[in-house]
Amino acid sequence: MYRKILAAVNEFSNSEIAARYALTLARASHAKLFLVFIAEEGIHRDKLQKVEEALARTFLEAESSGIEVESIIESGDPVSKITGLAREHSVDIVFAASRREDIKKRFFIKTVARQLMMKLACSVVMVRVVKMGGIHLKNILVPLRGRAMELQERAYFTAKLAEGTEASVTLFHMHRPITSFFHGEILLTPLEREKNLPKDVEEFRMHLNRYKIAHEKRTGHGSVARAITIEAAQKRNDLIIMGASERSLLSTFMKGNPVELVLRETPCNLIIFRGRKG
């Protein structure tokens, strides 16, 4: 599914971590990796040196892993340049690290990573780095709430990251409580929640089985964002993968979104995944 992967690298160390997720996916997918740095006008020489060192480290690691890799350095507007490079090289998926602005502000604020999510036709991954260091995953948490967008591609993406790190996957489904006029919300028992899992959860499991990825199901209730962050903290998950459709990105202009709350409060690294358009 992925033959060409682009990782945007800048002077911040979290972008190098994001690039290593891209490297892991490239290795598992046998894809070509593009490491791209777009120098904005007036960049300081010290920052440029940090980027060059990060590019060299990631390039050498990719090369030693047998990955076909290309490093590209250009100047200009990052969003425009990355959009053009993705189109020119027929890139399938782009990785970008979140910045402090992404955590503090909302999706309609024009940060680089969020603009890429809105504008690129290919798939886009925003990586929120909480823990620095190498990519050592034991368990990946994948929250699902029924009617998951881009389910087949997100399952493939999850499976390949799990395969590349020998990690297991936990599918975490949030049930909506049953509402009673007289008694308010009625919470389902664990057995009832298990029986009422939506078809999308089972379909996601089928894809993971196809790729032979070890996984389990868990269910929860209550505030979506809080339940996800508590689950990740209690089970010491290494990574959360959440989906973000274009519709949900736009709807955050009007109201809050669990993705944004998890983005701010996640106890571990977080990937926000938006599948290809069309």
Protein backbone atom coordinates (compact mmCIF):
# COMPACT_ATOMS: atom_id res chain seq x y z
CA MET A 1 0.00 0.00 0.00
CA TYR A 2 2.87 2.39 0.81
CA ARG A 3 5.66 2.59 -1.73
CA LYS A 4 6.95 6.11 -1.08
CA ILE A 5 7.07 7.75 2.36
CA LEU A 6 8.09 11.33 3.15
CA ALA A 7 9.27 12.54 6.56
CA ALA A 8 9.52 16.27 7.22
CA VAL A 9 12.56 17.06 9.38
CA ASN A 10 13.36 20.35 11.08
CA GLU A 11 15.66 21.67 13.82
CA PHE A 12 13.54 20.22 16.63
CA SER A 13 14.40 16.79 18.03
CA ASN A 14 10.77 15.63 17.96
CA SER A 15 10.84 15.76 14.15
CA GLU A 16 13.72 13.27 14.16
CA ILE A 17 11.61 10.93 16.32
CA ALA A 18 8.72 11.33 13.86
CA ALA A 19 11.11 10.50 11.02
CA ARG A 20 12.08 7.29 12.82
CA TYR A 21 8.43 6.21 12.81
CA ALA A 22 8.46 6.87 9.07
CA LEU A 23 11.67 4.82 8.81
CA THR A 24 10.05 1.94 10.70
CA LEU A 25 7.05 2.00 8.35
CA ALA A 26 9.32 2.17 5.30
CA ARG A 27 11.28 -0.86 6.47
CA ALA A 28 8.14 -2.93 7.13
CA SER A 29 6.51 -1.82 3.85
CA HIS A 30 9.66 -2.11 1.70
CA ALA A 31 9.07 1.52 0.69
CA LYS A 32 11.38 4.33 -0.38
CA LEU A 33 11.94 7.01 2.26
CA PHE A 34 12.32 10.73 1.50
CA LEU A 35 13.85 12.82 4.30
CA VAL A 36 12.91 16.43 3.62
CA PHE A 37 14.02 19.68 5.23
CA ILE A 38 12.59 22.99 4.05
CA ALA A 39 14.66 25.93 5.31
CA GLU A 40 12.56 28.97 6.05
CA GLU A 41 13.99 32.41 5.33
CA GLY A 42 16.51 33.67 7.89
CA ILE A 43 17.18 30.33 9.60
CA HIS A 44 20.11 30.53 12.01
CA ARG A 45 23.28 28.63 11.17
CA ASP A 46 23.14 26.65 14.45
CA LYS A 47 19.62 25.43 13.62
CA LEU A 48 20.73 24.45 10.13
CA GLN A 49 23.57 22.40 11.61
CA LYS A 50 21.14 20.57 13.93
CA VAL A 51 18.94 19.68 10.97
CA GLU A 52 21.87 18.43 8.90
CA GLU A 53 23.00 16.23 11.79
CA ALA A 54 19.48 14.82 12.26
CA LEU A 55 19.18 14.13 8.53
CA ALA A 56 22.57 12.37 8.51
CA ARG A 57 21.68 10.15 11.51
CA THR A 58 18.33 9.14 10.07
CA PHE A 59 19.75 8.65 6.57
CA LEU A 60 22.51 6.35 7.81
CA GLU A 61 20.07 4.34 9.93
CA ALA A 62 17.73 3.91 6.97
CA GLU A 63 20.60 2.93 4.68
CA SER A 64 21.91 0.38 7.18
CA SER A 65 18.40 -1.12 7.35
CA GLY A 66 18.40 -1.69 3.60
CA ILE A 67 15.89 1.09 2.90
CA GLU A 68 16.11 3.09 -0.30
CA VAL A 69 16.45 6.62 1.05
CA GLU A 70 16.84 10.11 -0.41
CA SER A 71 17.60 13.33 1.47
CA ILE A 72 16.19 16.61 0.12
CA ILE A 73 17.03 20.11 1.38
CA GLU A 74 15.25 23.13 -0.11
CA SER A 75 14.28 26.62 0.97
CA GLY A 76 10.92 28.32 0.98
CA ASP A 77 7.50 27.83 2.56
CA PRO A 78 7.40 24.34 4.17
CA VAL A 79 3.75 23.61 3.35
CA SER A 80 4.03 24.63 -0.31
CA LYS A 81 7.35 22.86 -0.81
CA ILE A 82 6.29 19.62 0.87
CA THR A 83 3.00 19.64 -1.05
CA GLY A 84 4.94 20.03 -4.30
CA LEU A 85 7.46 17.31 -3.44
CA ALA A 86 4.70 14.90 -2.41
CA ARG A 87 3.00 15.46 -5.76
CA GLU A 88 6.25 15.33 -7.77
CA HIS A 89 7.40 12.03 -6.26
CA SER A 90 3.91 10.45 -5.95
CA VAL A 91 4.34 10.10 -2.19
CA ASP A 92 1.81 7.85 -0.44
CA ILE A 93 2.12 9.15 3.12
CA VAL A 94 3.76 12.14 4.85
CA PHE A 95 5.02 12.26 8.46
CA ALA A 96 5.28 15.55 10.36
CA ALA A 97 5.93 16.24 14.04
CA SER A 98 3.58 18.38 16.07
CA ARG A 99 4.89 21.61 17.55
CA ARG A 100 4.00 23.46 20.72
CA GLU A 101 1.40 25.45 18.76
CA ASP A 102 -0.37 22.23 17.76
CA ILE A 103 -0.81 21.25 21.39
CA LYS A 104 -2.03 24.63 22.60
CA LYS A 105 -4.27 25.58 19.69
CA ARG A 106 -7.05 24.07 17.62
CA PHE A 107 -7.04 22.31 14.26
CA PHE A 108 -8.07 25.42 12.31
CA ILE A 109 -4.93 27.26 13.48
CA LYS A 110 -2.50 27.23 10.56
CA THR A 111 0.51 25.35 11.91
CA VAL A 112 2.60 23.39 9.41
CA ALA A 113 1.49 19.90 10.46
CA ARG A 114 -2.18 20.86 10.50
CA GLN A 115 -2.01 22.58 7.13
CA LEU A 116 -0.45 19.45 5.67
CA MET A 117 -3.32 17.41 7.11
CA MET A 118 -5.85 19.70 5.47
CA LYS A 119 -4.14 20.19 2.09
CA LEU A 120 -2.28 17.05 1.06
CA ALA A 121 -4.08 14.52 -1.12
CA CYS A 122 -1.96 11.66 0.21
CA SER A 123 -2.17 10.20 3.72
CA VAL A 124 -0.74 12.33 6.54
CA VAL A 125 0.56 11.47 9.99
CA MET A 126 1.04 13.98 12.80
CA VAL A 127 3.35 12.66 15.53
CA ARG A 128 3.12 14.08 19.05
CA VAL A 129 6.33 13.12 20.85
CA VAL A 130 6.14 12.78 24.64
CA LYS A 131 9.01 10.36 25.21
CA MET A 132 12.29 10.90 23.44
CA GLY A 133 14.62 8.15 22.34
CA GLY A 134 14.39 5.23 19.96
CA ILE A 135 11.24 3.57 18.63
CA HIS A 136 10.80 0.67 21.06
CA LEU A 137 7.14 -0.33 21.03
CA LYS A 138 5.60 -3.13 23.07
CA ASN A 139 1.94 -2.24 22.81
CA ILE A 140 0.03 0.16 20.57
CA LEU A 141 -3.35 1.50 21.67
CA VAL A 142 -5.90 2.07 18.88
CA PRO A 143 -9.11 3.79 20.04
CA LEU A 144 -12.19 3.00 17.94
CA ARG A 145 -15.72 4.24 18.37
CA GLY A 146 -17.59 2.68 15.48
CA ARG A 147 -17.88 4.00 11.92
CA ALA A 148 -14.11 4.41 11.79
CA MET A 149 -12.96 6.37 8.76
CA GLU A 150 -10.29 4.95 6.42
CA LEU A 151 -10.51 1.70 8.39
CA GLN A 152 -8.67 -0.56 5.96
CA GLU A 153 -5.76 1.84 5.49
CA ARG A 154 -5.49 2.65 9.20
CA ALA A 155 -5.45 -1.07 9.99
CA TYR A 156 -2.65 -1.58 7.45
CA PHE A 157 -0.73 1.38 8.87
CA THR A 158 -1.12 0.04 12.42
CA ALA A 159 -0.17 -3.48 11.39
CA LYS A 160 3.00 -2.39 9.63
CA LEU A 161 4.16 -0.25 12.56
CA ALA A 162 3.45 -3.17 14.89
CA GLU A 163 5.27 -5.56 12.56
CA GLY A 164 8.27 -3.26 12.32
CA THR A 165 8.61 -3.03 16.10
CA GLU A 166 7.26 -6.47 17.09
CA ALA A 167 4.53 -4.76 19.11
CA SER A 168 1.07 -6.01 20.01
CA VAL A 169 -2.10 -3.95 19.51
CA THR A 170 -4.97 -3.12 21.85
CA LEU A 171 -8.23 -2.09 20.20
CA PHE A 172 -10.04 0.19 22.63
CA HIS A 173 -13.72 0.78 21.94
CA MET A 174 -15.72 3.49 23.66
CA HIS A 175 -19.39 2.66 24.11
CA ARG A 176 -22.06 5.31 24.11
CA PRO A 177 -24.26 4.90 27.20
CA ILE A 178 -27.94 4.08 26.77
CA THR A 179 -30.06 7.12 27.68
CA SER A 180 -33.25 6.76 29.68
CA PHE A 181 -35.69 9.66 30.13
CA PHE A 182 -36.37 8.75 33.76
CA HIS A 183 -32.98 7.40 34.86
CA GLY A 184 -30.48 9.36 32.77
CA GLU A 185 -27.52 7.42 31.35
CA ILE A 186 -27.51 3.66 31.82
CA LEU A 187 -24.07 2.09 31.61
CA LEU A 188 -23.68 -1.30 29.98
CA THR A 189 -22.01 -4.16 31.82
CA PRO A 190 -18.67 -5.46 30.45
CA LEU A 191 -20.49 -8.50 28.96
CA GLU A 192 -23.09 -6.27 27.30
CA ARG A 193 -20.36 -4.01 25.93
CA GLU A 194 -18.58 -7.03 24.47
CA LYS A 195 -21.77 -8.23 22.77
CA ASN A 196 -22.47 -4.79 21.30
CA LEU A 197 -19.13 -4.14 19.62
CA PRO A 198 -19.68 -2.45 16.24
CA LYS A 199 -18.81 -4.17 12.98
CA ASP A 200 -15.89 -1.81 12.37
CA VAL A 201 -14.06 -3.15 15.42
CA GLU A 202 -14.44 -6.71 14.16
CA GLU A 203 -13.34 -5.63 10.69
CA PHE A 204 -10.25 -3.98 12.14
CA ARG A 205 -9.50 -7.24 13.96
CA MET A 206 -9.86 -9.17 10.71
CA HIS A 207 -7.24 -6.97 9.06
CA LEU A 208 -4.85 -7.43 12.00
CA ASN A 209 -5.38 -11.20 11.80
CA ARG A 210 -4.56 -11.07 8.10
CA TYR A 211 -1.22 -9.42 8.91
CA LYS A 212 -0.70 -11.82 11.86
CA ILE A 213 -0.51 -9.05 14.47
CA ALA A 214 -1.16 -10.07 18.10
CA HIS A 215 -4.01 -8.02 19.52
CA GLU A 216 -6.70 -7.79 22.15
CA LYS A 217 -9.99 -5.93 22.63
CA ARG A 218 -10.86 -3.66 25.51
CA THR A 219 -13.92 -1.52 26.12
CA GLY A 220 -14.53 1.60 28.17
CA HIS A 221 -17.07 4.31 28.88
CA GLY A 222 -17.24 7.90 30.00
CA SER A 223 -15.41 10.88 28.57
CA VAL A 224 -13.69 9.65 25.40
CA ALA A 225 -10.43 11.59 25.74
CA ARG A 226 -10.08 10.92 29.46
CA ALA A 227 -10.79 7.21 29.07
CA ILE A 228 -8.14 6.93 26.34
CA THR A 229 -5.44 8.73 28.31
CA ILE A 230 -6.20 6.76 31.49
CA GLU A 231 -6.13 3.47 29.57
CA ALA A 232 -2.78 4.39 28.00
CA ALA A 233 -1.31 5.39 31.35
CA GLN A 234 -2.58 2.37 33.29
CA LYS A 235 -1.50 -0.16 30.66
CA ARG A 236 1.73 1.71 29.93
CA ASN A 237 1.09 1.83 26.21
CA ASP A 238 3.99 3.11 24.14
CA LEU A 239 1.96 4.68 21.35
CA ILE A 240 -1.63 5.76 20.62
CA ILE A 241 -2.90 5.80 17.03
CA MET A 242 -6.03 7.90 16.50
CA GLY A 243 -7.84 8.61 13.25
CA ALA A 244 -8.71 12.11 12.07
CA SER A 245 -10.94 12.41 9.03
CA GLU A 246 -11.10 15.66 7.09
CA ARG A 247 -14.66 16.13 8.35
CA SER A 248 -13.59 15.88 12.00
CA LEU A 249 -10.73 18.31 11.40
CA LEU A 250 -13.12 20.90 10.01
CA SER A 251 -15.78 20.32 12.66
CA THR A 252 -13.38 21.34 15.42
CA PHE A 253 -13.90 24.94 14.29
CA MET A 254 -17.35 24.71 15.85
CA LYS A 255 -16.79 22.39 18.80
CA GLY A 256 -14.13 20.44 20.66
CA ASN A 257 -12.79 17.08 19.55
CA PRO A 258 -11.44 14.15 21.61
CA VAL A 259 -8.40 14.04 19.31
CA GLU A 260 -7.38 17.52 20.45
CA LEU A 261 -7.84 16.66 24.12
CA VAL A 262 -5.72 13.53 23.79
CA LEU A 263 -3.14 15.57 21.84
CA ARG A 264 -2.71 17.79 24.88
CA GLU A 265 -2.92 15.15 27.63
CA THR A 266 -1.44 11.96 26.16
CA PRO A 267 0.94 10.12 28.53
CA CYS A 268 2.80 8.50 25.62
CA ASN A 269 3.65 9.26 22.01
CA LEU A 270 0.60 9.87 19.83
CA ILE A 271 -0.02 9.50 16.12
CA ILE A 272 -2.96 11.27 14.49
CA PHE A 273 -3.63 9.50 11.20
CA ARG A 274 -5.55 10.95 8.24
CA GLY A 275 -5.91 8.62 5.28
CA ARG A 276 -5.56 9.67 1.66
CA LYS A 277 -8.27 11.78 0.13
CA GLY A 278 -10.46 10.41 -2.63
